[in-house]
Amino acid sequence: MEGEPAGSERAKLATARLQRVAYFRAQTWKPGCSTSAVSTGPSGMVLFAGINSRGAAVELSISGIALQHDKAAGRSATGPAQLRMSDSGGVIHRDLAKIKS
């Protein structure tokens, strides 16, 4: 979404985040290697992050959405509304290699 999103656009992202978080929480994660609901500042949160037993990782984050802690503080969402998912095939055996010069 570009620019300042309308309330209906923010609501769509809020629905999408609930669906994705439910999906990831239902998966099997390496013990002690998952977390959720970590505030990254006003209108931002890591919704879920985890590493599975094979070392693959995922992070789902959201920004530009009025979250509960924002509403409680009387703040409204600002900036672009974003739902971002990042993944890696392996944090133990990295996807990228360092090129020696």
N, C-alpha and C. Protein backbone atom coordinates (compact mmCIF):
# COMPACT_ATOMS: atom_id res chain seq x y z
N MET A 1 0.84 -1.17 0.00
CA MET A 1 0.00 0.00 0.00
C MET A 1 0.88 1.23 0.00
N GLU A 2 0.54 2.17 -0.82
CA GLU A 2 1.33 3.39 -0.90
C GLU A 2 0.56 4.55 -0.29
N GLY A 3 1.31 5.52 0.24
CA GLY A 3 0.68 6.69 0.82
C GLY A 3 0.01 6.37 2.15
N GLU A 4 -0.87 7.23 2.56
CA GLU A 4 -1.59 7.06 3.82
C GLU A 4 -2.81 6.17 3.58
N PRO A 5 -2.81 4.95 4.11
CA PRO A 5 -3.91 4.02 3.84
C PRO A 5 -5.20 4.42 4.55
N ALA A 6 -6.31 4.09 3.90
CA ALA A 6 -7.63 4.32 4.49
C ALA A 6 -7.86 3.32 5.61
N GLY A 7 -8.84 3.61 6.45
CA GLY A 7 -9.17 2.70 7.56
C GLY A 7 -9.50 1.30 7.08
N SER A 8 -10.17 1.18 5.94
CA SER A 8 -10.53 -0.15 5.43
C SER A 8 -9.29 -0.93 5.00
N GLU A 9 -8.27 -0.23 4.46
CA GLU A 9 -7.03 -0.89 4.08
C GLU A 9 -6.28 -1.38 5.32
N ARG A 10 -6.27 -0.56 6.35
CA ARG A 10 -5.63 -0.98 7.61
C ARG A 10 -6.36 -2.18 8.21
N ALA A 11 -7.68 -2.20 8.09
CA ALA A 11 -8.47 -3.32 8.62
C ALA A 11 -8.14 -4.61 7.87
N LYS A 12 -7.92 -4.52 6.57
CA LYS A 12 -7.54 -5.71 5.79
C LYS A 12 -6.21 -6.27 6.26
N LEU A 13 -5.27 -5.39 6.55
CA LEU A 13 -3.97 -5.85 7.06
C LEU A 13 -4.12 -6.47 8.45
N ALA A 14 -4.99 -5.90 9.26
CA ALA A 14 -5.22 -6.46 10.59
C ALA A 14 -5.77 -7.87 10.49
N THR A 15 -6.69 -8.10 9.56
CA THR A 15 -7.26 -9.44 9.35
C THR A 15 -6.18 -10.39 8.85
N ALA A 16 -5.38 -9.94 7.89
CA ALA A 16 -4.31 -10.78 7.35
C ALA A 16 -3.30 -11.17 8.43
N ARG A 17 -3.00 -10.24 9.32
CA ARG A 17 -2.03 -10.57 10.37
C ARG A 17 -2.55 -11.66 11.28
N LEU A 18 -3.84 -11.61 11.63
CA LEU A 18 -4.41 -12.64 12.49
C LEU A 18 -4.36 -14.01 11.83
N GLN A 19 -4.63 -14.07 10.55
CA GLN A 19 -4.60 -15.33 9.81
C GLN A 19 -3.18 -15.89 9.75
N ARG A 20 -2.20 -15.05 9.45
CA ARG A 20 -0.81 -15.50 9.34
C ARG A 20 -0.26 -15.92 10.70
N VAL A 21 -0.54 -15.15 11.75
CA VAL A 21 -0.05 -15.50 13.08
C VAL A 21 -0.64 -16.85 13.52
N ALA A 22 -1.91 -17.07 13.29
CA ALA A 22 -2.54 -18.35 13.64
C ALA A 22 -1.87 -19.50 12.89
N TYR A 23 -1.57 -19.28 11.62
CA TYR A 23 -0.90 -20.32 10.82
C TYR A 23 0.47 -20.65 11.40
N PHE A 24 1.29 -19.63 11.67
CA PHE A 24 2.64 -19.88 12.17
C PHE A 24 2.64 -20.47 13.57
N ARG A 25 1.74 -20.04 14.43
CA ARG A 25 1.68 -20.60 15.78
C ARG A 25 1.32 -22.09 15.76
N ALA A 26 0.59 -22.51 14.74
CA ALA A 26 0.18 -23.91 14.64
C ALA A 26 1.31 -24.82 14.16
N GLN A 27 2.41 -24.25 13.67
CA GLN A 27 3.54 -25.03 13.18
C GLN A 27 4.41 -25.49 14.35
N THR A 28 5.29 -26.43 14.08
CA THR A 28 6.22 -26.93 15.10
C THR A 28 7.51 -26.13 15.03
N TRP A 29 7.91 -25.57 16.16
CA TRP A 29 9.11 -24.76 16.25
C TRP A 29 10.09 -25.38 17.21
N LYS A 30 11.35 -25.12 17.01
CA LYS A 30 12.40 -25.59 17.90
C LYS A 30 12.11 -25.02 19.29
N PRO A 31 12.20 -25.85 20.34
CA PRO A 31 11.90 -25.36 21.70
C PRO A 31 12.72 -24.11 22.06
N GLY A 32 12.04 -23.11 22.56
CA GLY A 32 12.69 -21.87 22.96
C GLY A 32 13.09 -20.96 21.81
N CYS A 33 12.66 -21.29 20.59
CA CYS A 33 13.09 -20.52 19.42
C CYS A 33 11.93 -19.88 18.68
N SER A 34 10.92 -19.46 19.42
CA SER A 34 9.83 -18.70 18.81
C SER A 34 9.35 -17.64 19.79
N THR A 35 8.82 -16.58 19.24
CA THR A 35 8.31 -15.49 20.06
C THR A 35 7.20 -14.78 19.30
N SER A 36 6.41 -14.02 19.99
CA SER A 36 5.35 -13.26 19.33
C SER A 36 5.05 -11.99 20.12
N ALA A 37 4.40 -11.05 19.44
CA ALA A 37 3.94 -9.80 20.04
C ALA A 37 5.06 -9.00 20.70
N VAL A 38 6.12 -8.72 19.94
CA VAL A 38 7.23 -7.92 20.43
C VAL A 38 7.13 -6.53 19.81
N SER A 39 6.90 -5.52 20.63
CA SER A 39 6.75 -4.15 20.14
C SER A 39 8.07 -3.66 19.56
N THR A 40 7.97 -2.99 18.41
CA THR A 40 9.14 -2.38 17.79
C THR A 40 9.02 -0.86 17.79
N GLY A 41 8.04 -0.35 18.52
CA GLY A 41 7.81 1.09 18.59
C GLY A 41 6.36 1.41 18.29
N PRO A 42 6.02 2.70 18.22
CA PRO A 42 4.65 3.07 17.92
C PRO A 42 4.18 2.48 16.59
N SER A 43 3.04 1.84 16.60
CA SER A 43 2.41 1.26 15.40
C SER A 43 3.24 0.17 14.75
N GLY A 44 4.12 -0.48 15.51
CA GLY A 44 4.94 -1.54 14.94
C GLY A 44 5.12 -2.71 15.88
N MET A 45 5.15 -3.92 15.33
CA MET A 45 5.30 -5.11 16.17
C MET A 45 5.80 -6.29 15.34
N VAL A 46 6.70 -7.07 15.95
CA VAL A 46 7.02 -8.39 15.40
C VAL A 46 5.89 -9.29 15.89
N LEU A 47 5.05 -9.74 14.96
CA LEU A 47 3.90 -10.55 15.33
C LEU A 47 4.30 -11.96 15.67
N PHE A 48 5.28 -12.50 14.94
CA PHE A 48 5.76 -13.85 15.19
C PHE A 48 7.15 -13.98 14.60
N ALA A 49 8.01 -14.70 15.29
CA ALA A 49 9.33 -15.07 14.76
C ALA A 49 9.66 -16.44 15.31
N GLY A 50 10.21 -17.29 14.46
CA GLY A 50 10.54 -18.63 14.93
C GLY A 50 11.59 -19.30 14.05
N ILE A 51 12.24 -20.30 14.64
CA ILE A 51 13.22 -21.14 13.94
C ILE A 51 12.76 -22.58 14.14
N ASN A 52 12.66 -23.33 13.04
CA ASN A 52 12.23 -24.72 13.19
C ASN A 52 13.43 -25.64 13.42
N SER A 53 13.17 -26.93 13.56
CA SER A 53 14.22 -27.89 13.90
C SER A 53 15.27 -28.04 12.81
N ARG A 54 14.95 -27.65 11.58
CA ARG A 54 15.92 -27.72 10.47
C ARG A 54 16.71 -26.43 10.31
N GLY A 55 16.44 -25.43 11.15
CA GLY A 55 17.16 -24.17 11.10
C GLY A 55 16.54 -23.13 10.19
N ALA A 56 15.39 -23.42 9.60
CA ALA A 56 14.70 -22.42 8.78
C ALA A 56 14.00 -21.44 9.71
N ALA A 57 13.95 -20.17 9.29
CA ALA A 57 13.39 -19.13 10.15
C ALA A 57 12.34 -18.30 9.40
N VAL A 58 11.44 -17.73 10.18
CA VAL A 58 10.42 -16.84 9.63
C VAL A 58 10.18 -15.70 10.62
N GLU A 59 9.89 -14.52 10.07
CA GLU A 59 9.50 -13.38 10.90
C GLU A 59 8.34 -12.68 10.22
N LEU A 60 7.31 -12.41 10.97
CA LEU A 60 6.13 -11.70 10.48
C LEU A 60 6.02 -10.42 11.30
N SER A 61 6.04 -9.28 10.61
CA SER A 61 5.95 -8.00 11.34
C SER A 61 4.94 -7.09 10.68
N ILE A 62 4.49 -6.12 11.45
CA ILE A 62 3.48 -5.18 10.97
C ILE A 62 3.86 -3.79 11.43
N SER A 63 3.52 -2.80 10.61
CA SER A 63 3.73 -1.41 11.00
C SER A 63 2.63 -0.56 10.37
N GLY A 64 2.41 0.60 10.92
CA GLY A 64 1.39 1.50 10.41
C GLY A 64 -0.02 1.10 10.77
N ILE A 65 -0.17 0.27 11.79
CA ILE A 65 -1.47 -0.19 12.26
C ILE A 65 -1.59 0.19 13.73
N ALA A 66 -2.72 0.77 14.13
CA ALA A 66 -2.91 1.12 15.54
C ALA A 66 -3.07 -0.17 16.34
N LEU A 67 -2.09 -0.45 17.15
CA LEU A 67 -2.10 -1.66 17.98
C LEU A 67 -2.66 -1.33 19.36
N GLN A 68 -2.94 -2.34 20.14
CA GLN A 68 -3.57 -2.15 21.44
C GLN A 68 -2.79 -1.17 22.31
N HIS A 69 -1.45 -1.30 22.33
CA HIS A 69 -0.66 -0.38 23.18
C HIS A 69 -0.70 1.05 22.64
N ASP A 70 -0.90 1.21 21.33
CA ASP A 70 -1.05 2.56 20.77
C ASP A 70 -2.38 3.16 21.19
N LYS A 71 -3.44 2.36 21.07
CA LYS A 71 -4.78 2.84 21.43
C LYS A 71 -4.83 3.22 22.90
N ALA A 72 -4.21 2.40 23.75
CA ALA A 72 -4.20 2.68 25.19
C ALA A 72 -3.47 3.98 25.51
N ALA A 73 -2.47 4.31 24.70
CA ALA A 73 -1.71 5.54 24.91
C ALA A 73 -2.32 6.72 24.17
N GLY A 74 -3.47 6.50 23.50
CA GLY A 74 -4.14 7.58 22.78
C GLY A 74 -3.48 7.92 21.46
N ARG A 75 -2.65 7.02 20.91
CA ARG A 75 -1.98 7.27 19.63
C ARG A 75 -2.74 6.58 18.51
N SER A 76 -2.74 7.20 17.35
CA SER A 76 -3.32 6.57 16.17
C SER A 76 -2.18 6.14 15.25
N ALA A 77 -2.48 5.26 14.32
CA ALA A 77 -1.47 4.75 13.40
C ALA A 77 -1.04 5.84 12.43
N THR A 78 0.23 5.85 12.12
CA THR A 78 0.76 6.80 11.14
C THR A 78 1.67 6.06 10.17
N GLY A 79 1.91 6.67 9.04
CA GLY A 79 2.82 6.09 8.07
C GLY A 79 2.17 5.00 7.25
N PRO A 80 2.94 4.43 6.35
CA PRO A 80 2.40 3.38 5.49
C PRO A 80 2.06 2.12 6.29
N ALA A 81 0.95 1.52 5.96
CA ALA A 81 0.57 0.26 6.60
C ALA A 81 1.29 -0.87 5.88
N GLN A 82 2.03 -1.68 6.63
CA GLN A 82 2.81 -2.75 6.03
C GLN A 82 2.69 -4.03 6.84
N LEU A 83 2.50 -5.12 6.14
CA LEU A 83 2.58 -6.46 6.72
C LEU A 83 3.73 -7.12 5.98
N ARG A 84 4.77 -7.49 6.71
CA ARG A 84 5.98 -8.00 6.08
C ARG A 84 6.31 -9.39 6.60
N MET A 85 6.62 -10.30 5.69
CA MET A 85 7.06 -11.62 6.09
C MET A 85 8.44 -11.85 5.51
N SER A 86 9.37 -12.24 6.37
CA SER A 86 10.73 -12.56 5.96
C SER A 86 10.99 -14.01 6.31
N ASP A 87 11.68 -14.71 5.43
CA ASP A 87 12.04 -16.08 5.76
C ASP A 87 13.44 -16.40 5.27
N SER A 88 13.98 -17.45 5.86
CA SER A 88 15.32 -17.89 5.51
C SER A 88 15.33 -19.41 5.50
N GLY A 89 15.97 -19.96 4.51
CA GLY A 89 16.07 -21.41 4.43
C GLY A 89 16.92 -21.99 5.54
N GLY A 90 17.74 -21.17 6.15
CA GLY A 90 18.57 -21.69 7.23
C GLY A 90 19.35 -20.61 7.93
N VAL A 91 19.18 -20.52 9.23
CA VAL A 91 20.00 -19.59 10.01
C VAL A 91 21.22 -20.29 10.56
N ILE A 92 21.16 -21.62 10.58
CA ILE A 92 22.32 -22.40 11.02
C ILE A 92 23.30 -22.52 9.86
N HIS A 93 22.79 -22.91 8.70
CA HIS A 93 23.56 -22.99 7.46
C HIS A 93 23.05 -21.86 6.58
N ARG A 94 23.71 -20.75 6.61
CA ARG A 94 23.21 -19.53 5.99
C ARG A 94 23.00 -19.66 4.48
N ASP A 95 22.02 -18.86 3.99
CA ASP A 95 21.71 -18.82 2.56
C ASP A 95 22.80 -18.09 1.78
N LEU A 96 23.49 -17.19 2.42
CA LEU A 96 24.48 -16.36 1.76
C LEU A 96 25.89 -16.76 2.20
N ALA A 97 26.81 -16.56 1.32
CA ALA A 97 28.21 -16.87 1.64
C ALA A 97 29.03 -15.60 1.56
N LYS A 98 30.05 -15.51 2.37
CA LYS A 98 30.94 -14.35 2.34
C LYS A 98 31.94 -14.59 1.22
N ILE A 99 32.08 -13.58 0.38
CA ILE A 99 33.03 -13.66 -0.72
C ILE A 99 34.34 -13.05 -0.26
N LYS A 100 35.39 -13.85 -0.32
CA LYS A 100 36.70 -13.36 0.09
C LYS A 100 37.30 -12.53 -1.02
N SER A 101 37.92 -11.42 -0.63
CA SER A 101 38.53 -10.56 -1.66
C SER A 101 40.02 -10.75 -1.72
